[in-house]
Amino acid sequence: MFVCLSVVIYEVVCPYDDPPTIGPRTIETMKRAGGHAIAIEAGKTILIDREKTLNDAHRAGIVIVSQPS
């Protein structure tokens, strides 16, 4: 039997909440959870420490996709 589990998150803006934010801690959490992809809303998601976040995601094999809002 073959079982494949995957974690994908999709960050969206809620009018009554803080703006969605991702950063190195998000990538570390996704890595530990076995996650493979993060989809964010273009222009509305805060990306903390962009270079480190993108490098960490690349090394962990996690794809970050920006979707138009």
N, C-alpha and C. Protein backbone atom coordinates (compact mmCIF):
# COMPACT_ATOMS: atom_id res chain seq x y z
N MET A 1 0.84 -1.17 0.00
CA MET A 1 0.00 0.00 0.00
C MET A 1 0.89 1.25 0.00
N PHE A 2 0.52 2.22 -0.80
CA PHE A 2 1.27 3.47 -0.90
C PHE A 2 0.39 4.60 -0.39
N VAL A 3 0.90 5.35 0.59
CA VAL A 3 0.15 6.48 1.15
C VAL A 3 0.99 7.73 0.98
N CYS A 4 0.39 8.75 0.42
CA CYS A 4 1.09 10.02 0.22
C CYS A 4 0.34 11.11 0.98
N LEU A 5 1.02 11.72 1.91
CA LEU A 5 0.44 12.83 2.66
C LEU A 5 1.20 14.10 2.29
N SER A 6 0.49 15.17 2.13
CA SER A 6 1.13 16.42 1.77
C SER A 6 0.44 17.57 2.50
N VAL A 7 1.21 18.62 2.74
CA VAL A 7 0.68 19.80 3.39
C VAL A 7 0.85 20.98 2.43
N VAL A 8 -0.24 21.67 2.16
CA VAL A 8 -0.21 22.86 1.32
C VAL A 8 -0.99 23.92 2.08
N ILE A 9 -0.45 25.14 2.16
CA ILE A 9 -1.21 26.21 2.79
C ILE A 9 -1.49 27.31 1.77
N TYR A 10 -2.60 27.98 1.96
CA TYR A 10 -2.98 29.09 1.10
C TYR A 10 -3.31 30.26 2.00
N GLU A 11 -2.48 31.28 1.94
CA GLU A 11 -2.65 32.46 2.79
C GLU A 11 -3.51 33.48 2.05
N VAL A 12 -4.61 33.90 2.66
CA VAL A 12 -5.49 34.90 2.06
C VAL A 12 -5.77 36.02 3.06
N VAL A 13 -6.15 37.16 2.54
CA VAL A 13 -6.45 38.33 3.36
C VAL A 13 -7.88 38.23 3.87
N CYS A 14 -8.04 38.44 5.16
CA CYS A 14 -9.37 38.52 5.78
C CYS A 14 -9.55 39.97 6.24
N PRO A 15 -10.66 40.58 5.93
CA PRO A 15 -10.84 42.00 6.27
C PRO A 15 -10.84 42.29 7.77
N TYR A 16 -11.07 41.30 8.60
CA TYR A 16 -11.16 41.51 10.05
C TYR A 16 -9.94 40.98 10.79
N ASP A 17 -8.86 40.68 10.07
CA ASP A 17 -7.69 40.06 10.69
C ASP A 17 -6.42 40.76 10.20
N ASP A 18 -5.30 40.44 10.82
CA ASP A 18 -4.01 40.95 10.37
C ASP A 18 -3.70 40.39 8.99
N PRO A 19 -2.88 41.10 8.21
CA PRO A 19 -2.53 40.57 6.88
C PRO A 19 -1.74 39.27 7.01
N PRO A 20 -1.92 38.35 6.06
CA PRO A 20 -1.16 37.10 6.11
C PRO A 20 0.33 37.39 6.00
N THR A 21 1.12 36.64 6.72
CA THR A 21 2.56 36.84 6.78
C THR A 21 3.26 35.50 6.72
N ILE A 22 4.32 35.41 5.90
CA ILE A 22 5.15 34.21 5.90
C ILE A 22 6.60 34.64 6.04
N GLY A 23 7.42 33.74 6.58
CA GLY A 23 8.84 34.04 6.76
C GLY A 23 9.59 32.75 7.05
N PRO A 24 10.82 32.87 7.51
CA PRO A 24 11.63 31.69 7.80
C PRO A 24 10.98 30.70 8.76
N ARG A 25 10.26 31.20 9.76
CA ARG A 25 9.58 30.27 10.69
C ARG A 25 8.48 29.49 9.99
N THR A 26 7.80 30.12 9.05
CA THR A 26 6.77 29.43 8.27
C THR A 26 7.40 28.28 7.49
N ILE A 27 8.55 28.56 6.87
CA ILE A 27 9.24 27.54 6.07
C ILE A 27 9.69 26.40 6.97
N GLU A 28 10.23 26.71 8.13
CA GLU A 28 10.68 25.67 9.06
C GLU A 28 9.50 24.80 9.51
N THR A 29 8.38 25.43 9.80
CA THR A 29 7.19 24.68 10.21
C THR A 29 6.70 23.78 9.08
N MET A 30 6.65 24.32 7.87
CA MET A 30 6.23 23.53 6.71
C MET A 30 7.17 22.35 6.49
N LYS A 31 8.47 22.60 6.63
CA LYS A 31 9.46 21.53 6.45
C LYS A 31 9.22 20.40 7.45
N ARG A 32 9.03 20.75 8.73
CA ARG A 32 8.80 19.74 9.77
C ARG A 32 7.48 18.99 9.54
N ALA A 33 6.50 19.68 8.95
CA ALA A 33 5.19 19.06 8.72
C ALA A 33 5.15 18.27 7.41
N GLY A 34 6.22 18.36 6.63
CA GLY A 34 6.25 17.65 5.35
C GLY A 34 5.55 18.41 4.24
N GLY A 35 5.45 19.73 4.41
CA GLY A 35 4.76 20.56 3.41
C GLY A 35 5.56 20.73 2.14
N HIS A 36 4.84 21.02 1.06
CA HIS A 36 5.47 21.15 -0.25
C HIS A 36 5.17 22.46 -0.96
N ALA A 37 4.11 23.17 -0.55
CA ALA A 37 3.74 24.38 -1.28
C ALA A 37 3.02 25.38 -0.39
N ILE A 38 3.26 26.66 -0.69
CA ILE A 38 2.57 27.76 -0.03
C ILE A 38 2.06 28.66 -1.15
N ALA A 39 0.77 28.96 -1.16
CA ALA A 39 0.20 29.91 -2.12
C ALA A 39 -0.14 31.18 -1.35
N ILE A 40 0.31 32.30 -1.88
CA ILE A 40 0.05 33.58 -1.21
C ILE A 40 -0.70 34.51 -2.16
N GLU A 41 -1.39 35.48 -1.60
CA GLU A 41 -2.12 36.46 -2.38
C GLU A 41 -1.18 37.61 -2.75
N ALA A 42 -0.96 37.79 -4.04
CA ALA A 42 -0.01 38.79 -4.53
C ALA A 42 -0.35 40.20 -4.03
N GLY A 43 0.67 40.87 -3.54
CA GLY A 43 0.51 42.25 -3.11
C GLY A 43 -0.18 42.44 -1.78
N LYS A 44 -0.61 41.33 -1.14
CA LYS A 44 -1.34 41.46 0.11
C LYS A 44 -0.76 40.60 1.23
N THR A 45 0.29 39.87 0.94
CA THR A 45 0.92 39.01 1.93
C THR A 45 2.27 39.59 2.30
N ILE A 46 2.55 39.67 3.58
CA ILE A 46 3.83 40.18 4.04
C ILE A 46 4.85 39.04 4.01
N LEU A 47 5.97 39.29 3.37
CA LEU A 47 7.05 38.30 3.29
C LEU A 47 8.21 38.81 4.13
N ILE A 48 8.43 38.18 5.28
CA ILE A 48 9.49 38.59 6.20
C ILE A 48 10.82 38.02 5.73
N ASP A 49 11.85 38.86 5.72
CA ASP A 49 13.21 38.45 5.33
C ASP A 49 13.16 37.66 4.02
N ARG A 50 12.74 38.36 2.97
CA ARG A 50 12.46 37.75 1.66
C ARG A 50 13.55 36.80 1.19
N GLU A 51 14.81 37.26 1.17
CA GLU A 51 15.90 36.44 0.65
C GLU A 51 16.07 35.14 1.45
N LYS A 52 16.08 35.24 2.77
CA LYS A 52 16.24 34.05 3.61
C LYS A 52 15.04 33.11 3.45
N THR A 53 13.85 33.67 3.43
CA THR A 53 12.64 32.86 3.28
C THR A 53 12.68 32.08 1.96
N LEU A 54 12.99 32.76 0.87
CA LEU A 54 13.03 32.09 -0.44
C LEU A 54 14.15 31.07 -0.52
N ASN A 55 15.32 31.40 0.03
CA ASN A 55 16.43 30.43 0.03
C ASN A 55 16.10 29.21 0.88
N ASP A 56 15.53 29.42 2.06
CA ASP A 56 15.15 28.30 2.93
C ASP A 56 14.11 27.42 2.25
N ALA A 57 13.14 28.05 1.60
CA ALA A 57 12.10 27.29 0.89
C ALA A 57 12.71 26.46 -0.23
N HIS A 58 13.61 27.06 -0.98
CA HIS A 58 14.27 26.35 -2.08
C HIS A 58 15.03 25.13 -1.55
N ARG A 59 15.81 25.32 -0.50
CA ARG A 59 16.58 24.21 0.08
C ARG A 59 15.67 23.11 0.64
N ALA A 60 14.49 23.49 1.13
CA ALA A 60 13.56 22.51 1.70
C ALA A 60 12.65 21.87 0.65
N GLY A 61 12.74 22.35 -0.59
CA GLY A 61 11.88 21.81 -1.64
C GLY A 61 10.44 22.30 -1.54
N ILE A 62 10.27 23.48 -0.94
CA ILE A 62 8.94 24.05 -0.77
C ILE A 62 8.74 25.14 -1.83
N VAL A 63 7.64 25.03 -2.56
CA VAL A 63 7.33 25.99 -3.61
C VAL A 63 6.44 27.08 -3.03
N ILE A 64 6.76 28.33 -3.36
CA ILE A 64 5.92 29.46 -2.97
C ILE A 64 5.33 30.03 -4.26
N VAL A 65 4.00 30.05 -4.33
CA VAL A 65 3.31 30.52 -5.53
C VAL A 65 2.52 31.77 -5.16
N SER A 66 2.65 32.80 -5.98
CA SER A 66 1.89 34.03 -5.77
C SER A 66 0.68 34.05 -6.70
N GLN A 67 -0.50 34.14 -6.10
CA GLN A 67 -1.75 34.17 -6.88
C GLN A 67 -2.26 35.60 -6.94
N PRO A 68 -2.80 36.02 -8.08
CA PRO A 68 -3.35 37.38 -8.15
C PRO A 68 -4.52 37.52 -7.18
N SER A 69 -4.64 38.72 -6.63
CA SER A 69 -5.73 38.94 -5.66
C SER A 69 -7.02 39.32 -6.36
